[in-house]
Amino acid sequence: MTPILILSGKGKTGRRVAAQLDARQVPYRLASRSSEQRFDWYDESTWAPTIAGVERAYLAPPVGPTGLAQAGKFVQQADGLRRLVLLSGRGVGSPGRDFAVYDGQLELEKVVKASGLDWTIVQPAWFAQNFSEDFLQYHVLAGEIRLSAGTGAEAWIDTNDVGDVMTMALLDESYVGRTLTISGPRTLTMTQIADELSAATGRPITYVDLEPEAHVAELIAQGLIQEDADAVRDLFAVIRNHRSEYVSDGVEQVLGRPPRDFTEWARETAKTGVWSV
């Protein structure tokens, strides 16, 4: 078996796909800026050597309009690939999902579908691990979740469930030509998230609802460029406008079990000490 290529192999989902393939003794190749064969979304000279010798790939695209456009160019130039599993976002391409933030993701999905590859697209809800492994961890440590999500809710999903679904999609040809929409088992507002994290950590955590432009200003002050800050604001606008308040059953369809609940995830994550101050 030729190795499976994991693009952005050190990211939240890529690491979990790698762990699942390890457990199954399936060979794989991680691709990142620090991998043995260097891969950089913004250096096209690294693309062909990365693809050489592989037929299947998992693609987690970079964030933001420019990154998504680069991922589309990569797919169009991916000579030798036969099978591709794409990480997208829940709501992309759905009727009534007219937010501009989806434009780049929708275009990438179109490129993948027109590529001639055997494709599967996985559209997850927001990751619970954003609060423990990504930009929202700082908010939990600070005791204030400062976002522009309003009173909207999201069906937050454990990234381990995402990795399990991705692995099945890579290994099971029955998922070719399908879009899998996955989420956690229930929706939670940011205020409810703060309550869950307070219970898990044993200290008070509150949600501060920012106006969207105030959110952008804070993100830029934290070091994000304007384009990426705008993209984050627009993603939270989907929640703020109550357009993500539904549960998707893809995890149960693919894995034959329910997705992990946020309460259980938060309780177990707190035990790791990641939120200790």
C-alpha atoms as a PDB file:
ATOM      1  CA  MET A   1       0.000   0.000   0.000  1.00  0.00           C
ATOM      2  CA  THR A   2       1.327   3.437  -0.896  1.00  0.00           C
ATOM      3  CA  PRO A   3       1.354   5.887   2.007  1.00  0.00           C
ATOM      4  CA  ILE A   4      -1.591   8.190   2.656  1.00  0.00           C
ATOM      5  CA  LEU A   5      -0.578  11.842   2.484  1.00  0.00           C
ATOM      6  CA  ILE A   6      -1.761  13.979   5.405  1.00  0.00           C
ATOM      7  CA  LEU A   7      -1.583  17.636   4.431  1.00  0.00           C
ATOM      8  CA  SER A   8      -1.258  19.952   7.431  1.00  0.00           C
ATOM      9  CA  GLY A   9      -0.261  16.809   9.268  1.00  0.00           C
ATOM     10  CA  LYS A  10       0.501  18.555  12.556  1.00  0.00           C
ATOM     11  CA  GLY A  11      -2.904  20.223  12.837  1.00  0.00           C
ATOM     12  CA  LYS A  12      -5.754  19.205  15.138  1.00  0.00           C
ATOM     13  CA  THR A  13      -7.354  16.792  12.679  1.00  0.00           C
ATOM     14  CA  GLY A  14      -4.192  15.668  10.881  1.00  0.00           C
ATOM     15  CA  ARG A  15      -2.602  14.426  14.115  1.00  0.00           C
ATOM     16  CA  ARG A  16      -5.693  12.397  14.904  1.00  0.00           C
ATOM     17  CA  VAL A  17      -5.908  10.869  11.441  1.00  0.00           C
ATOM     18  CA  ALA A  18      -2.230   9.890  11.771  1.00  0.00           C
ATOM     19  CA  ALA A  19      -2.912   8.238  15.137  1.00  0.00           C
ATOM     20  CA  GLN A  20      -5.789   6.233  13.682  1.00  0.00           C
ATOM     21  CA  LEU A  21      -3.699   5.100  10.723  1.00  0.00           C
ATOM     22  CA  ASP A  22      -0.902   4.136  13.109  1.00  0.00           C
ATOM     23  CA  ALA A  23      -3.328   1.992  15.080  1.00  0.00           C
ATOM     24  CA  ARG A  24      -4.329   0.224  11.863  1.00  0.00           C
ATOM     25  CA  GLN A  25      -0.705  -0.091  10.685  1.00  0.00           C
ATOM     26  CA  VAL A  26      -1.522   1.886   7.552  1.00  0.00           C
ATOM     27  CA  PRO A  27       1.472   3.801   6.163  1.00  0.00           C
ATOM     28  CA  TYR A  28       1.179   7.562   5.889  1.00  0.00           C
ATOM     29  CA  ARG A  29       3.273  10.645   5.192  1.00  0.00           C
ATOM     30  CA  LEU A  30       2.922  13.888   7.139  1.00  0.00           C
ATOM     31  CA  ALA A  31       3.283  17.089   5.154  1.00  0.00           C
ATOM     32  CA  SER A  32       4.042  20.406   6.821  1.00  0.00           C
ATOM     33  CA  ARG A  33       6.655  23.156   6.799  1.00  0.00           C
ATOM     34  CA  SER A  34       8.723  21.159   9.288  1.00  0.00           C
ATOM     35  CA  SER A  35       8.294  17.681   7.771  1.00  0.00           C
ATOM     36  CA  GLU A  36      11.227  15.808   6.207  1.00  0.00           C
ATOM     37  CA  GLN A  37       9.826  16.602   2.769  1.00  0.00           C
ATOM     38  CA  ARG A  38       8.944  20.245   3.383  1.00  0.00           C
ATOM     39  CA  PHE A  39       5.444  21.318   2.326  1.00  0.00           C
ATOM     40  CA  ASP A  40       4.227  24.899   2.234  1.00  0.00           C
ATOM     41  CA  TRP A  41       0.843  26.003   0.902  1.00  0.00           C
ATOM     42  CA  TYR A  42       2.431  29.266  -0.203  1.00  0.00           C
ATOM     43  CA  ASP A  43       5.496  27.735  -1.919  1.00  0.00           C
ATOM     44  CA  GLU A  44       4.268  25.834  -4.954  1.00  0.00           C
ATOM     45  CA  SER A  45       7.717  24.358  -5.594  1.00  0.00           C
ATOM     46  CA  THR A  46       7.119  22.083  -2.575  1.00  0.00           C
ATOM     47  CA  TRP A  47       3.905  20.595  -3.917  1.00  0.00           C
ATOM     48  CA  ALA A  48       5.056  18.057  -6.553  1.00  0.00           C
ATOM     49  CA  PRO A  49       7.753  16.436  -4.359  1.00  0.00           C
ATOM     50  CA  THR A  50       5.177  16.073  -1.570  1.00  0.00           C
ATOM     51  CA  ILE A  51       2.685  14.288  -3.823  1.00  0.00           C
ATOM     52  CA  ALA A  52       5.246  11.955  -5.406  1.00  0.00           C
ATOM     53  CA  GLY A  53       4.511   8.311  -4.664  1.00  0.00           C
ATOM     54  CA  VAL A  54       1.081   8.730  -3.054  1.00  0.00           C
ATOM     55  CA  GLU A  55      -2.406   8.011  -4.358  1.00  0.00           C
ATOM     56  CA  ARG A  56      -4.570   9.089  -1.400  1.00  0.00           C
ATOM     57  CA  ALA A  57      -4.522  12.302   0.574  1.00  0.00           C
ATOM     58  CA  TYR A  58      -6.267  14.035   3.429  1.00  0.00           C
ATOM     59  CA  LEU A  59      -6.438  17.795   2.912  1.00  0.00           C
ATOM     60  CA  ALA A  60      -7.043  20.229   5.771  1.00  0.00           C
ATOM     61  CA  PRO A  61      -6.790  23.622   4.020  1.00  0.00           C
ATOM     62  CA  PRO A  62      -5.306  26.760   5.551  1.00  0.00           C
ATOM     63  CA  VAL A  63      -7.643  29.385   6.996  1.00  0.00           C
ATOM     64  CA  GLY A  64      -8.665  32.497   5.103  1.00  0.00           C
ATOM     65  CA  PRO A  65      -9.483  33.359   1.472  1.00  0.00           C
ATOM     66  CA  THR A  66      -5.875  33.262   0.260  1.00  0.00           C
ATOM     67  CA  GLY A  67      -5.166  29.923   1.903  1.00  0.00           C
ATOM     68  CA  LEU A  68      -8.337  28.355   0.507  1.00  0.00           C
ATOM     69  CA  ALA A  69      -7.455  29.597  -2.983  1.00  0.00           C
ATOM     70  CA  GLN A  70      -3.988  28.038  -2.655  1.00  0.00           C
ATOM     71  CA  ALA A  71      -5.547  24.728  -1.623  1.00  0.00           C
ATOM     72  CA  GLY A  72      -7.687  24.849  -4.775  1.00  0.00           C
ATOM     73  CA  LYS A  73      -4.609  25.397  -6.930  1.00  0.00           C
ATOM     74  CA  PHE A  74      -2.928  22.469  -5.202  1.00  0.00           C
ATOM     75  CA  VAL A  75      -5.828  20.160  -6.028  1.00  0.00           C
ATOM     76  CA  GLN A  76      -5.755  21.240  -9.677  1.00  0.00           C
ATOM     77  CA  GLN A  77      -2.037  20.442  -9.855  1.00  0.00           C
ATOM     78  CA  ALA A  78      -2.167  17.173  -7.881  1.00  0.00           C
ATOM     79  CA  ASP A  79      -0.940  14.846 -10.625  1.00  0.00           C
ATOM     80  CA  GLY A  80      -0.816  11.238  -9.481  1.00  0.00           C
ATOM     81  CA  LEU A  81      -3.449  11.499  -6.763  1.00  0.00           C
ATOM     82  CA  ARG A  82      -6.457   9.220  -7.098  1.00  0.00           C
ATOM     83  CA  ARG A  83      -8.340   9.736  -3.817  1.00  0.00           C
ATOM     84  CA  LEU A  84      -8.881  12.905  -1.789  1.00  0.00           C
ATOM     85  CA  VAL A  85     -10.698  13.564   1.501  1.00  0.00           C
ATOM     86  CA  LEU A  86     -11.305  17.260   2.139  1.00  0.00           C
ATOM     87  CA  LEU A  87     -11.953  18.983   5.457  1.00  0.00           C
ATOM     88  CA  SER A  88     -14.556  21.679   4.813  1.00  0.00           C
ATOM     89  CA  GLY A  89     -17.109  23.352   7.079  1.00  0.00           C
ATOM     90  CA  ARG A  90     -20.672  22.626   8.101  1.00  0.00           C
ATOM     91  CA  GLY A  91     -23.167  24.682   6.104  1.00  0.00           C
ATOM     92  CA  VAL A  92     -20.990  25.163   3.019  1.00  0.00           C
ATOM     93  CA  GLY A  93     -23.174  24.904  -0.071  1.00  0.00           C
ATOM     94  CA  SER A  94     -26.409  24.455   1.897  1.00  0.00           C
ATOM     95  CA  PRO A  95     -29.501  26.392   0.792  1.00  0.00           C
ATOM     96  CA  GLY A  96     -29.776  29.679   2.616  1.00  0.00           C
ATOM     97  CA  ARG A  97     -26.136  29.631   3.764  1.00  0.00           C
ATOM     98  CA  ASP A  98     -25.316  32.867   1.986  1.00  0.00           C
ATOM     99  CA  PHE A  99     -22.604  34.225   4.278  1.00  0.00           C
ATOM    100  CA  ALA A 100     -19.524  35.456   2.393  1.00  0.00           C
ATOM    101  CA  VAL A 101     -17.289  33.429   4.731  1.00  0.00           C
ATOM    102  CA  TYR A 102     -18.422  30.306   2.877  1.00  0.00           C
ATOM    103  CA  ASP A 103     -17.356  31.588  -0.550  1.00  0.00           C
ATOM    104  CA  GLY A 104     -13.776  30.328  -0.417  1.00  0.00           C
ATOM    105  CA  GLN A 105     -14.777  26.983   1.068  1.00  0.00           C
ATOM    106  CA  LEU A 106     -17.542  26.525  -1.489  1.00  0.00           C
ATOM    107  CA  GLU A 107     -15.154  27.300  -4.343  1.00  0.00           C
ATOM    108  CA  LEU A 108     -12.671  24.761  -2.967  1.00  0.00           C
ATOM    109  CA  GLU A 109     -15.395  22.117  -2.757  1.00  0.00           C
ATOM    110  CA  LYS A 110     -16.295  22.836  -6.398  1.00  0.00           C
ATOM    111  CA  VAL A 111     -12.654  22.454  -7.436  1.00  0.00           C
ATOM    112  CA  VAL A 112     -12.425  19.114  -5.618  1.00  0.00           C
ATOM    113  CA  LYS A 113     -15.630  17.811  -7.202  1.00  0.00           C
ATOM    114  CA  ALA A 114     -14.452  18.858 -10.688  1.00  0.00           C
ATOM    115  CA  SER A 115     -10.930  17.468 -10.221  1.00  0.00           C
ATOM    116  CA  GLY A 116     -11.595  13.965 -11.514  1.00  0.00           C
ATOM    117  CA  LEU A 117     -10.386  12.525  -8.200  1.00  0.00           C
ATOM    118  CA  ASP A 118     -12.358  10.089  -6.079  1.00  0.00           C
ATOM    119  CA  TRP A 119     -13.427  12.609  -3.457  1.00  0.00           C
ATOM    120  CA  THR A 120     -15.141  12.741  -0.090  1.00  0.00           C
ATOM    121  CA  ILE A 121     -15.930  16.021   1.671  1.00  0.00           C
ATOM    122  CA  VAL A 122     -16.357  16.122   5.444  1.00  0.00           C
ATOM    123  CA  GLN A 123     -18.154  19.150   6.886  1.00  0.00           C
ATOM    124  CA  PRO A 124     -17.781  19.320  10.679  1.00  0.00           C
ATOM    125  CA  ALA A 125     -19.233  21.737  13.194  1.00  0.00           C
ATOM    126  CA  TRP A 126     -16.842  23.882  15.247  1.00  0.00           C
ATOM    127  CA  PHE A 127     -14.210  21.890  17.147  1.00  0.00           C
ATOM    128  CA  ALA A 128     -14.441  21.605  20.932  1.00  0.00           C
ATOM    129  CA  GLN A 129     -10.630  21.478  20.926  1.00  0.00           C
ATOM    130  CA  ASN A 130     -10.524  25.133  19.861  1.00  0.00           C
ATOM    131  CA  PHE A 131     -10.916  25.753  23.603  1.00  0.00           C
ATOM    132  CA  SER A 132      -7.959  23.540  24.539  1.00  0.00           C
ATOM    133  CA  GLU A 133      -5.540  23.443  21.603  1.00  0.00           C
ATOM    134  CA  ASP A 134      -6.157  26.610  19.624  1.00  0.00           C
ATOM    135  CA  PHE A 135      -6.945  30.295  19.812  1.00  0.00           C
ATOM    136  CA  LEU A 136      -9.758  29.949  22.344  1.00  0.00           C
ATOM    137  CA  GLN A 137      -7.538  28.287  24.957  1.00  0.00           C
ATOM    138  CA  TYR A 138      -6.240  31.700  26.027  1.00  0.00           C
ATOM    139  CA  HIS A 139      -9.812  32.831  26.676  1.00  0.00           C
ATOM    140  CA  VAL A 140     -10.425  29.889  28.996  1.00  0.00           C
ATOM    141  CA  LEU A 141      -7.191  30.551  30.873  1.00  0.00           C
ATOM    142  CA  ALA A 142      -8.095  34.238  31.193  1.00  0.00           C
ATOM    143  CA  GLY A 143     -11.569  33.399  32.522  1.00  0.00           C
ATOM    144  CA  GLU A 144     -13.317  35.407  29.785  1.00  0.00           C
ATOM    145  CA  ILE A 145     -14.470  34.106  26.410  1.00  0.00           C
ATOM    146  CA  ARG A 146     -14.500  37.303  24.346  1.00  0.00           C
ATOM    147  CA  LEU A 147     -16.203  36.601  21.007  1.00  0.00           C
ATOM    148  CA  SER A 148     -18.867  37.992  18.692  1.00  0.00           C
ATOM    149  CA  ALA A 149     -21.127  34.936  18.691  1.00  0.00           C
ATOM    150  CA  GLY A 150     -24.102  36.702  20.299  1.00  0.00           C
ATOM    151  CA  THR A 151     -26.709  34.353  21.716  1.00  0.00           C
ATOM    152  CA  GLY A 152     -26.400  31.849  18.877  1.00  0.00           C
ATOM    153  CA  ALA A 153     -25.591  28.188  19.445  1.00  0.00           C
ATOM    154  CA  GLU A 154     -23.323  25.618  17.769  1.00  0.00           C
ATOM    155  CA  ALA A 155     -23.182  21.813  17.941  1.00  0.00           C
ATOM    156  CA  TRP A 156     -19.518  21.658  19.004  1.00  0.00           C
ATOM    157  CA  ILE A 157     -17.757  18.421  18.040  1.00  0.00           C
ATOM    158  CA  ASP A 158     -14.872  16.535  19.633  1.00  0.00           C
ATOM    159  CA  THR A 159     -12.000  16.554  17.128  1.00  0.00           C
ATOM    160  CA  ASN A 160     -11.324  12.905  17.946  1.00  0.00           C
ATOM    161  CA  ASP A 161     -14.696  12.119  16.372  1.00  0.00           C
ATOM    162  CA  VAL A 162     -13.661  14.169  13.335  1.00  0.00           C
ATOM    163  CA  GLY A 163     -10.408  12.214  13.027  1.00  0.00           C
ATOM    164  CA  ASP A 164     -12.269   8.902  13.270  1.00  0.00           C
ATOM    165  CA  VAL A 165     -14.688   9.924  10.508  1.00  0.00           C
ATOM    166  CA  MET A 166     -11.854  11.179   8.301  1.00  0.00           C
ATOM    167  CA  THR A 167      -9.990   7.901   8.699  1.00  0.00           C
ATOM    168  CA  MET A 168     -13.022   5.861   7.717  1.00  0.00           C
ATOM    169  CA  ALA A 169     -13.542   8.100   4.679  1.00  0.00           C
ATOM    170  CA  LEU A 170      -9.924   7.553   3.609  1.00  0.00           C
ATOM    171  CA  LEU A 171     -10.035   3.778   3.990  1.00  0.00           C
ATOM    172  CA  ASP A 172     -13.585   2.911   2.894  1.00  0.00           C
ATOM    173  CA  GLU A 173     -14.291   3.415  -0.800  1.00  0.00           C
ATOM    174  CA  SER A 174     -18.049   3.438  -0.150  1.00  0.00           C
ATOM    175  CA  TYR A 175     -17.702   7.091   0.854  1.00  0.00           C
ATOM    176  CA  VAL A 176     -16.426   8.196  -2.556  1.00  0.00           C
ATOM    177  CA  GLY A 177     -18.564  10.988  -3.996  1.00  0.00           C
ATOM    178  CA  ARG A 178     -20.254  11.771  -0.670  1.00  0.00           C
ATOM    179  CA  THR A 179     -20.419  14.822   1.573  1.00  0.00           C
ATOM    180  CA  LEU A 180     -20.507  13.888   5.260  1.00  0.00           C
ATOM    181  CA  THR A 181     -21.892  16.486   7.678  1.00  0.00           C
ATOM    182  CA  ILE A 182     -20.944  15.876  11.314  1.00  0.00           C
ATOM    183  CA  SER A 183     -21.494  17.557  14.675  1.00  0.00           C
ATOM    184  CA  GLY A 184     -21.740  16.988  18.386  1.00  0.00           C
ATOM    185  CA  PRO A 185     -24.966  15.639  19.933  1.00  0.00           C
ATOM    186  CA  ARG A 186     -26.453  19.004  21.014  1.00  0.00           C
ATOM    187  CA  THR A 187     -26.155  22.732  20.463  1.00  0.00           C
ATOM    188  CA  LEU A 188     -24.673  25.072  23.057  1.00  0.00           C
ATOM    189  CA  THR A 189     -24.546  28.862  23.260  1.00  0.00           C
ATOM    190  CA  MET A 190     -21.353  30.580  24.332  1.00  0.00           C
ATOM    191  CA  THR A 191     -22.895  31.284  27.733  1.00  0.00           C
ATOM    192  CA  GLN A 192     -23.600  27.565  28.111  1.00  0.00           C
ATOM    193  CA  ILE A 193     -20.056  26.779  26.967  1.00  0.00           C
ATOM    194  CA  ALA A 194     -18.712  29.105  29.662  1.00  0.00           C
ATOM    195  CA  ASP A 195     -20.867  27.332  32.256  1.00  0.00           C
ATOM    196  CA  GLU A 196     -19.619  23.923  31.090  1.00  0.00           C
ATOM    197  CA  LEU A 197     -15.991  25.053  31.263  1.00  0.00           C
ATOM    198  CA  SER A 198     -16.562  26.610  34.694  1.00  0.00           C
ATOM    199  CA  ALA A 199     -17.881  23.291  35.967  1.00  0.00           C
ATOM    200  CA  ALA A 200     -15.002  21.352  34.397  1.00  0.00           C
ATOM    201  CA  THR A 201     -12.229  23.656  35.637  1.00  0.00           C
ATOM    202  CA  GLY A 202     -13.716  24.564  39.009  1.00  0.00           C
ATOM    203  CA  ARG A 203     -13.271  28.302  38.475  1.00  0.00           C
ATOM    204  CA  PRO A 204     -15.532  31.013  37.032  1.00  0.00           C
ATOM    205  CA  ILE A 205     -15.432  31.515  33.265  1.00  0.00           C
ATOM    206  CA  THR A 206     -17.747  34.032  31.637  1.00  0.00           C
ATOM    207  CA  TYR A 207     -18.761  34.878  28.092  1.00  0.00           C
ATOM    208  CA  VAL A 208     -18.371  38.482  26.908  1.00  0.00           C
ATOM    209  CA  ASP A 209     -20.405  39.183  23.778  1.00  0.00           C
ATOM    210  CA  LEU A 210     -18.430  41.566  21.551  1.00  0.00           C
ATOM    211  CA  GLU A 211     -19.744  43.579  18.663  1.00  0.00           C
ATOM    212  CA  PRO A 212     -18.270  42.125  15.443  1.00  0.00           C
ATOM    213  CA  GLU A 213     -15.976  45.057  14.673  1.00  0.00           C
ATOM    214  CA  ALA A 214     -14.772  45.185  18.271  1.00  0.00           C
ATOM    215  CA  HIS A 215     -13.944  41.496  17.906  1.00  0.00           C
ATOM    216  CA  VAL A 216     -11.891  42.232  14.783  1.00  0.00           C
ATOM    217  CA  ALA A 217     -10.009  44.994  16.601  1.00  0.00           C
ATOM    218  CA  GLU A 218      -9.118  42.641  19.461  1.00  0.00           C
ATOM    219  CA  LEU A 219      -7.956  39.944  17.050  1.00  0.00           C
ATOM    220  CA  ILE A 220      -5.694  42.389  15.221  1.00  0.00           C
ATOM    221  CA  ALA A 221      -4.297  43.573  18.556  1.00  0.00           C
ATOM    222  CA  GLN A 222      -3.473  39.919  19.291  1.00  0.00           C
ATOM    223  CA  GLY A 223      -1.456  39.674  16.060  1.00  0.00           C
ATOM    224  CA  LEU A 224      -3.841  38.530  13.319  1.00  0.00           C
ATOM    225  CA  ILE A 225      -3.698  40.213   9.951  1.00  0.00           C
ATOM    226  CA  GLN A 226      -6.843  42.026   8.764  1.00  0.00           C
ATOM    227  CA  GLU A 227      -7.862  39.295   6.313  1.00  0.00           C
ATOM    228  CA  ASP A 228      -7.702  36.547   8.922  1.00  0.00           C
ATOM    229  CA  ALA A 229      -9.411  38.687  11.594  1.00  0.00           C
ATOM    230  CA  ASP A 230     -12.261  39.401   9.183  1.00  0.00           C
ATOM    231  CA  ALA A 231     -12.541  35.679   8.399  1.00  0.00           C
ATOM    232  CA  VAL A 232     -12.841  34.787  12.101  1.00  0.00           C
ATOM    233  CA  ARG A 233     -15.489  37.499  12.593  1.00  0.00           C
ATOM    234  CA  ASP A 234     -17.452  36.145   9.639  1.00  0.00           C
ATOM    235  CA  LEU A 235     -17.305  32.593  10.953  1.00  0.00           C
ATOM    236  CA  PHE A 236     -18.724  33.695  14.282  1.00  0.00           C
ATOM    237  CA  ALA A 237     -21.369  35.696  12.406  1.00  0.00           C
ATOM    238  CA  VAL A 238     -22.872  32.366  11.327  1.00  0.00           C
ATOM    239  CA  ILE A 239     -23.383  31.486  14.996  1.00  0.00           C
ATOM    240  CA  ARG A 240     -24.421  35.037  15.906  1.00  0.00           C
ATOM    241  CA  ASN A 241     -27.170  34.934  13.284  1.00  0.00           C
ATOM    242  CA  HIS A 242     -28.513  31.596  14.610  1.00  0.00           C
ATOM    243  CA  ARG A 243     -27.641  29.748  11.415  1.00  0.00           C
ATOM    244  CA  SER A 244     -25.819  26.855  13.065  1.00  0.00           C
ATOM    245  CA  GLU A 245     -28.412  25.740  15.591  1.00  0.00           C
ATOM    246  CA  TYR A 246     -28.925  22.183  14.367  1.00  0.00           C
ATOM    247  CA  VAL A 247     -27.429  18.746  14.935  1.00  0.00           C
ATOM    248  CA  SER A 248     -25.988  16.583  12.143  1.00  0.00           C
ATOM    249  CA  ASP A 249     -25.972  12.783  12.364  1.00  0.00           C
ATOM    250  CA  GLY A 250     -22.870  11.992  10.275  1.00  0.00           C
ATOM    251  CA  VAL A 251     -20.802  10.635  13.176  1.00  0.00           C
ATOM    252  CA  GLU A 252     -23.405   7.995  13.976  1.00  0.00           C
ATOM    253  CA  GLN A 253     -23.875   7.153  10.292  1.00  0.00           C
ATOM    254  CA  VAL A 254     -20.165   6.555   9.729  1.00  0.00           C
ATOM    255  CA  LEU A 255     -18.992   5.210  13.097  1.00  0.00           C
ATOM    256  CA  GLY A 256     -22.150   3.504  14.345  1.00  0.00           C
ATOM    257  CA  ARG A 257     -22.028   5.350  17.666  1.00  0.00           C
ATOM    258  CA  PRO A 258     -23.119   8.760  18.945  1.00  0.00           C
ATOM    259  CA  PRO A 259     -20.666  11.657  19.028  1.00  0.00           C
ATOM    260  CA  ARG A 260     -19.013  12.599  22.304  1.00  0.00           C
ATOM    261  CA  ASP A 261     -20.854  15.181  24.380  1.00  0.00           C
ATOM    262  CA  PHE A 262     -19.194  18.497  25.267  1.00  0.00           C
ATOM    263  CA  THR A 263     -19.645  17.901  29.011  1.00  0.00           C
ATOM    264  CA  GLU A 264     -17.693  14.644  28.905  1.00  0.00           C
ATOM    265  CA  TRP A 265     -15.040  16.179  26.665  1.00  0.00           C
ATOM    266  CA  ALA A 266     -14.568  19.202  28.961  1.00  0.00           C
ATOM    267  CA  ARG A 267     -14.382  17.067  32.098  1.00  0.00           C
ATOM    268  CA  GLU A 268     -11.747  14.734  30.628  1.00  0.00           C
ATOM    269  CA  THR A 269      -9.780  17.600  29.073  1.00  0.00           C
ATOM    270  CA  ALA A 270      -9.614  19.451  32.382  1.00  0.00           C
ATOM    271  CA  LYS A 271      -7.883  16.442  33.915  1.00  0.00           C
ATOM    272  CA  THR A 272      -4.947  16.926  31.520  1.00  0.00           C
ATOM    273  CA  GLY A 273      -4.103  20.261  33.145  1.00  0.00           C
ATOM    274  CA  VAL A 274      -4.353  22.209  29.919  1.00  0.00           C
ATOM    275  CA  TRP A 275      -6.497  24.855  31.658  1.00  0.00           C
ATOM    276  CA  SER A 276      -4.527  24.998  34.912  1.00  0.00           C
ATOM    277  CA  VAL A 277      -3.482  28.488  35.973  1.00  0.00           C
END
